[in-house]
N, C-alpha and C. Protein backbone atom coordinates (compact mmCIF):
# COMPACT_ATOMS: atom_id res chain seq x y z
N MET A 1 -3.38 -8.20 6.34
CA MET A 1 -3.35 -6.91 6.96
C MET A 1 -4.52 -6.86 7.95
N LEU A 2 -4.25 -6.30 9.11
CA LEU A 2 -5.28 -6.15 10.13
C LEU A 2 -5.38 -4.66 10.49
N ASP A 3 -6.46 -4.03 10.03
CA ASP A 3 -6.70 -2.61 10.28
C ASP A 3 -7.56 -2.50 11.54
N ILE A 4 -6.96 -1.98 12.60
CA ILE A 4 -7.65 -1.81 13.88
C ILE A 4 -8.02 -0.34 14.00
N GLY A 5 -9.30 -0.06 13.83
CA GLY A 5 -9.76 1.32 13.82
C GLY A 5 -10.65 1.65 15.01
N SER A 6 -11.07 2.88 15.07
CA SER A 6 -11.92 3.33 16.17
C SER A 6 -13.35 2.81 16.03
N ARG A 7 -13.71 2.38 14.85
CA ARG A 7 -15.07 1.86 14.62
C ARG A 7 -15.11 0.36 14.34
N SER A 8 -14.05 -0.17 13.71
CA SER A 8 -14.07 -1.58 13.33
C SER A 8 -12.66 -2.16 13.28
N VAL A 9 -12.62 -3.49 13.27
CA VAL A 9 -11.39 -4.24 13.02
C VAL A 9 -11.63 -4.94 11.68
N HIS A 10 -10.73 -4.71 10.72
CA HIS A 10 -10.92 -5.24 9.38
C HIS A 10 -9.70 -6.06 8.96
N LEU A 11 -9.92 -7.34 8.79
CA LEU A 11 -8.88 -8.26 8.31
C LEU A 11 -9.03 -8.41 6.80
N LYS A 12 -7.93 -8.26 6.08
CA LYS A 12 -7.92 -8.50 4.63
C LYS A 12 -6.76 -9.46 4.36
N ILE A 13 -7.08 -10.56 3.71
CA ILE A 13 -6.07 -11.55 3.36
C ILE A 13 -5.96 -11.59 1.84
N ALA A 14 -4.73 -11.53 1.34
CA ALA A 14 -4.49 -11.57 -0.09
C ALA A 14 -3.33 -12.52 -0.37
N ASP A 15 -3.38 -13.14 -1.54
CA ASP A 15 -2.28 -13.98 -2.01
C ASP A 15 -1.31 -13.06 -2.74
N LEU A 16 -0.08 -13.03 -2.24
CA LEU A 16 0.94 -12.13 -2.81
C LEU A 16 1.98 -12.95 -3.57
N ALA A 17 1.57 -13.53 -4.69
CA ALA A 17 2.49 -14.33 -5.50
C ALA A 17 3.50 -13.41 -6.18
N PRO A 18 4.78 -13.81 -6.18
CA PRO A 18 5.81 -12.99 -6.83
C PRO A 18 5.47 -12.73 -8.30
N GLY A 19 5.63 -11.48 -8.69
CA GLY A 19 5.42 -11.10 -10.08
C GLY A 19 3.98 -10.83 -10.48
N GLY A 20 3.06 -11.05 -9.57
CA GLY A 20 1.65 -10.83 -9.90
C GLY A 20 1.02 -9.84 -8.96
N PRO A 21 -0.17 -9.40 -9.31
CA PRO A 21 -0.88 -8.46 -8.43
C PRO A 21 -1.44 -9.21 -7.21
N PRO A 22 -1.69 -8.51 -6.12
CA PRO A 22 -2.32 -9.15 -4.96
C PRO A 22 -3.70 -9.70 -5.34
N GLU A 23 -3.97 -10.93 -4.98
CA GLU A 23 -5.25 -11.56 -5.24
C GLU A 23 -6.01 -11.69 -3.93
N PRO A 24 -7.17 -11.02 -3.78
CA PRO A 24 -7.94 -11.12 -2.54
C PRO A 24 -8.33 -12.58 -2.25
N VAL A 25 -8.19 -12.97 -0.98
CA VAL A 25 -8.57 -14.32 -0.54
C VAL A 25 -9.83 -14.25 0.31
N THR A 26 -9.80 -13.41 1.35
CA THR A 26 -10.98 -13.24 2.20
C THR A 26 -10.87 -11.93 2.96
N SER A 27 -11.98 -11.54 3.55
CA SER A 27 -12.05 -10.31 4.32
C SER A 27 -13.02 -10.53 5.48
N LEU A 28 -12.71 -9.95 6.63
CA LEU A 28 -13.58 -10.04 7.80
C LEU A 28 -13.60 -8.67 8.46
N LYS A 29 -14.77 -8.08 8.58
CA LYS A 29 -14.90 -6.76 9.22
C LYS A 29 -15.85 -6.88 10.40
N GLN A 30 -15.38 -6.42 11.58
CA GLN A 30 -16.17 -6.52 12.80
C GLN A 30 -16.25 -5.16 13.47
N SER A 31 -17.43 -4.80 13.91
CA SER A 31 -17.65 -3.52 14.59
C SER A 31 -17.12 -3.60 16.03
N VAL A 32 -16.37 -2.57 16.45
CA VAL A 32 -15.88 -2.50 17.84
C VAL A 32 -16.32 -1.22 18.55
N ARG A 33 -16.67 -0.20 17.81
CA ARG A 33 -17.22 1.05 18.34
C ARG A 33 -16.38 1.64 19.48
N LEU A 34 -15.07 1.74 19.28
CA LEU A 34 -14.19 2.31 20.31
C LEU A 34 -14.43 3.80 20.48
N ALA A 35 -14.66 4.50 19.38
CA ALA A 35 -14.81 5.96 19.44
C ALA A 35 -15.96 6.36 20.36
N GLU A 36 -17.09 5.67 20.24
CA GLU A 36 -18.25 6.04 21.06
C GLU A 36 -18.10 5.57 22.50
N ALA A 37 -17.13 4.70 22.77
CA ALA A 37 -16.92 4.18 24.13
C ALA A 37 -15.72 4.83 24.81
N THR A 38 -15.26 5.96 24.25
CA THR A 38 -14.09 6.65 24.79
C THR A 38 -14.52 7.99 25.38
N ASP A 39 -14.09 8.24 26.64
CA ASP A 39 -14.47 9.50 27.27
C ASP A 39 -13.52 10.63 26.87
N ARG A 40 -13.76 11.80 27.39
CA ARG A 40 -12.96 12.99 27.01
C ARG A 40 -11.49 12.88 27.40
N GLN A 41 -11.19 12.05 28.39
CA GLN A 41 -9.80 11.86 28.80
C GLN A 41 -9.11 10.75 28.00
N GLY A 42 -9.83 10.12 27.07
CA GLY A 42 -9.24 9.08 26.24
C GLY A 42 -9.35 7.69 26.85
N VAL A 43 -10.13 7.53 27.91
CA VAL A 43 -10.29 6.23 28.55
C VAL A 43 -11.37 5.44 27.83
N ILE A 44 -11.04 4.22 27.44
CA ILE A 44 -11.96 3.35 26.71
C ILE A 44 -12.67 2.44 27.72
N GLN A 45 -14.00 2.32 27.59
CA GLN A 45 -14.78 1.49 28.48
C GLN A 45 -14.40 0.01 28.33
N HIS A 46 -14.53 -0.75 29.42
CA HIS A 46 -14.14 -2.16 29.44
C HIS A 46 -14.87 -2.99 28.39
N ASP A 47 -16.17 -2.76 28.19
CA ASP A 47 -16.92 -3.53 27.19
C ASP A 47 -16.33 -3.35 25.79
N ALA A 48 -15.92 -2.13 25.48
CA ALA A 48 -15.34 -1.86 24.17
C ALA A 48 -13.98 -2.56 24.02
N ILE A 49 -13.21 -2.59 25.09
CA ILE A 49 -11.92 -3.29 25.04
C ILE A 49 -12.15 -4.79 24.82
N ARG A 50 -13.18 -5.34 25.48
CA ARG A 50 -13.52 -6.76 25.26
C ARG A 50 -13.92 -7.01 23.81
N ARG A 51 -14.69 -6.08 23.21
CA ARG A 51 -15.07 -6.23 21.79
C ARG A 51 -13.82 -6.21 20.91
N LEU A 52 -12.90 -5.31 21.23
CA LEU A 52 -11.67 -5.19 20.46
C LEU A 52 -10.84 -6.47 20.55
N VAL A 53 -10.63 -6.95 21.77
CA VAL A 53 -9.83 -8.17 21.97
C VAL A 53 -10.49 -9.35 21.25
N GLY A 54 -11.83 -9.45 21.34
CA GLY A 54 -12.54 -10.52 20.65
C GLY A 54 -12.38 -10.44 19.14
N ALA A 55 -12.46 -9.24 18.59
CA ALA A 55 -12.33 -9.06 17.14
C ALA A 55 -10.92 -9.39 16.67
N VAL A 56 -9.91 -8.97 17.43
CA VAL A 56 -8.53 -9.26 17.06
C VAL A 56 -8.27 -10.76 17.17
N THR A 57 -8.79 -11.39 18.22
CA THR A 57 -8.61 -12.83 18.41
C THR A 57 -9.26 -13.62 17.27
N GLU A 58 -10.49 -13.25 16.91
CA GLU A 58 -11.17 -13.93 15.80
C GLU A 58 -10.43 -13.71 14.48
N SER A 59 -9.94 -12.50 14.26
CA SER A 59 -9.18 -12.21 13.05
C SER A 59 -7.91 -13.06 12.99
N ALA A 60 -7.24 -13.22 14.12
CA ALA A 60 -6.03 -14.04 14.16
C ALA A 60 -6.36 -15.50 13.85
N ALA A 61 -7.50 -15.98 14.33
CA ALA A 61 -7.91 -17.36 14.06
C ALA A 61 -8.20 -17.55 12.56
N VAL A 62 -8.87 -16.57 11.94
CA VAL A 62 -9.15 -16.65 10.51
C VAL A 62 -7.84 -16.63 9.72
N ALA A 63 -6.92 -15.77 10.12
CA ALA A 63 -5.62 -15.70 9.45
C ALA A 63 -4.88 -17.03 9.57
N ALA A 64 -4.90 -17.63 10.75
CA ALA A 64 -4.24 -18.92 10.96
C ALA A 64 -4.88 -20.00 10.10
N ALA A 65 -6.21 -19.99 10.00
CA ALA A 65 -6.92 -20.99 9.20
C ALA A 65 -6.56 -20.87 7.71
N HIS A 66 -6.16 -19.67 7.29
CA HIS A 66 -5.76 -19.45 5.90
C HIS A 66 -4.24 -19.53 5.74
N HIS A 67 -3.55 -19.99 6.77
CA HIS A 67 -2.09 -20.17 6.74
C HIS A 67 -1.34 -18.90 6.36
N VAL A 68 -1.76 -17.78 6.96
CA VAL A 68 -1.12 -16.49 6.72
C VAL A 68 0.29 -16.51 7.30
N ASP A 69 1.28 -16.13 6.50
CA ASP A 69 2.68 -16.10 6.95
C ASP A 69 2.99 -14.89 7.80
N ASP A 70 2.51 -13.73 7.39
CA ASP A 70 2.76 -12.48 8.11
C ASP A 70 1.45 -11.72 8.26
N LEU A 71 1.04 -11.51 9.50
CA LEU A 71 -0.15 -10.69 9.77
C LEU A 71 0.36 -9.32 10.20
N ILE A 72 0.05 -8.32 9.40
CA ILE A 72 0.57 -6.98 9.66
C ILE A 72 -0.56 -6.11 10.20
N PRO A 73 -0.52 -5.82 11.52
CA PRO A 73 -1.57 -4.96 12.10
C PRO A 73 -1.17 -3.49 12.05
N PHE A 74 -2.16 -2.64 11.91
CA PHE A 74 -1.93 -1.21 12.11
C PHE A 74 -3.21 -0.59 12.65
N ALA A 75 -3.03 0.50 13.35
CA ALA A 75 -4.16 1.16 14.01
C ALA A 75 -4.46 2.47 13.30
N THR A 76 -5.75 2.70 13.09
CA THR A 76 -6.21 3.96 12.52
C THR A 76 -7.26 4.53 13.47
N SER A 77 -7.54 5.80 13.35
CA SER A 77 -8.50 6.41 14.25
C SER A 77 -9.22 7.56 13.58
N ALA A 78 -10.50 7.67 13.88
CA ALA A 78 -11.26 8.83 13.42
C ALA A 78 -11.02 10.02 14.32
N ARG A 79 -10.44 9.78 15.51
CA ARG A 79 -10.13 10.85 16.46
C ARG A 79 -8.69 11.29 16.25
N SER A 80 -8.39 12.52 16.62
CA SER A 80 -7.01 12.99 16.56
C SER A 80 -6.42 12.91 17.96
N GLY A 81 -5.74 11.82 18.23
CA GLY A 81 -5.10 11.65 19.54
C GLY A 81 -5.98 10.89 20.50
N ALA A 82 -5.37 10.38 21.55
CA ALA A 82 -6.10 9.61 22.55
C ALA A 82 -5.99 10.30 23.90
N GLY A 83 -5.94 11.59 23.89
CA GLY A 83 -5.77 12.34 25.12
C GLY A 83 -4.64 13.34 24.94
N PRO A 84 -4.32 14.09 25.98
CA PRO A 84 -3.33 15.15 25.84
C PRO A 84 -1.93 14.63 25.50
N ASN A 85 -1.59 13.43 25.91
CA ASN A 85 -0.26 12.88 25.65
C ASN A 85 -0.29 11.74 24.65
N GLY A 86 -1.40 11.55 23.94
CA GLY A 86 -1.53 10.43 23.03
C GLY A 86 -1.71 9.16 23.84
N GLY A 87 -1.62 8.03 23.21
CA GLY A 87 -1.77 6.79 23.95
C GLY A 87 -1.65 5.60 23.03
N THR A 88 -1.42 4.45 23.62
CA THR A 88 -1.27 3.23 22.85
C THR A 88 -2.02 2.12 23.56
N LEU A 89 -2.77 1.36 22.82
CA LEU A 89 -3.41 0.16 23.34
C LEU A 89 -2.80 -1.00 22.57
N ALA A 90 -2.04 -1.83 23.25
CA ALA A 90 -1.34 -2.93 22.60
C ALA A 90 -2.20 -4.18 22.66
N VAL A 91 -2.76 -4.56 21.53
CA VAL A 91 -3.55 -5.78 21.42
C VAL A 91 -3.12 -6.45 20.13
N GLY A 92 -2.59 -7.64 20.25
CA GLY A 92 -2.17 -8.32 19.03
C GLY A 92 -2.03 -9.80 19.22
N PRO A 93 -2.40 -10.56 18.20
CA PRO A 93 -2.26 -12.00 18.27
C PRO A 93 -0.79 -12.41 18.12
N PRO A 94 -0.46 -13.65 18.47
CA PRO A 94 0.90 -14.13 18.26
C PRO A 94 1.27 -14.02 16.79
N ARG A 95 2.53 -13.86 16.53
CA ARG A 95 3.10 -13.77 15.19
C ARG A 95 2.76 -12.48 14.47
N CYS A 96 2.26 -11.49 15.18
CA CYS A 96 2.05 -10.17 14.58
C CYS A 96 3.34 -9.39 14.68
N ARG A 97 3.66 -8.67 13.64
CA ARG A 97 4.78 -7.74 13.71
C ARG A 97 4.22 -6.42 14.19
N PRO A 98 4.63 -5.97 15.39
CA PRO A 98 4.05 -4.73 15.90
C PRO A 98 4.49 -3.53 15.08
N MET A 99 3.55 -2.68 14.79
CA MET A 99 3.82 -1.43 14.09
C MET A 99 3.07 -0.34 14.81
N THR A 100 3.77 0.68 15.25
CA THR A 100 3.10 1.78 15.92
C THR A 100 3.44 3.08 15.24
N HIS A 101 2.50 3.97 15.25
CA HIS A 101 2.71 5.31 14.71
C HIS A 101 1.77 6.25 15.44
N THR A 102 2.29 7.38 15.84
CA THR A 102 1.47 8.38 16.51
C THR A 102 1.18 9.51 15.53
N PHE A 103 -0.10 9.77 15.32
CA PHE A 103 -0.52 10.89 14.47
C PHE A 103 -0.88 12.05 15.36
N ARG A 104 -0.37 13.21 15.09
CA ARG A 104 -0.67 14.41 15.87
C ARG A 104 -1.20 15.49 14.96
């Protein structure tokens, strides 16, 4: 699972053996500070986008090194909305199943 939030990107890898509980394998949490780099119109500064892309890329590499079959990303936010019409920033490594949801 890859939790992409307004403050951090958090990768959690677990072994999901049939019939058993999820067993944690590894975790990687990286600060991206998107919330503090976003203006009132919902525009994210370029440096913050670079931090986000770097964190997602590193998370994808860690997932690949652990032979992850399905990397499931989702976005969370401490803010309510990304501007008057909402917004989406699509950043994802190969083999991610895109999942989007708008919270209002």
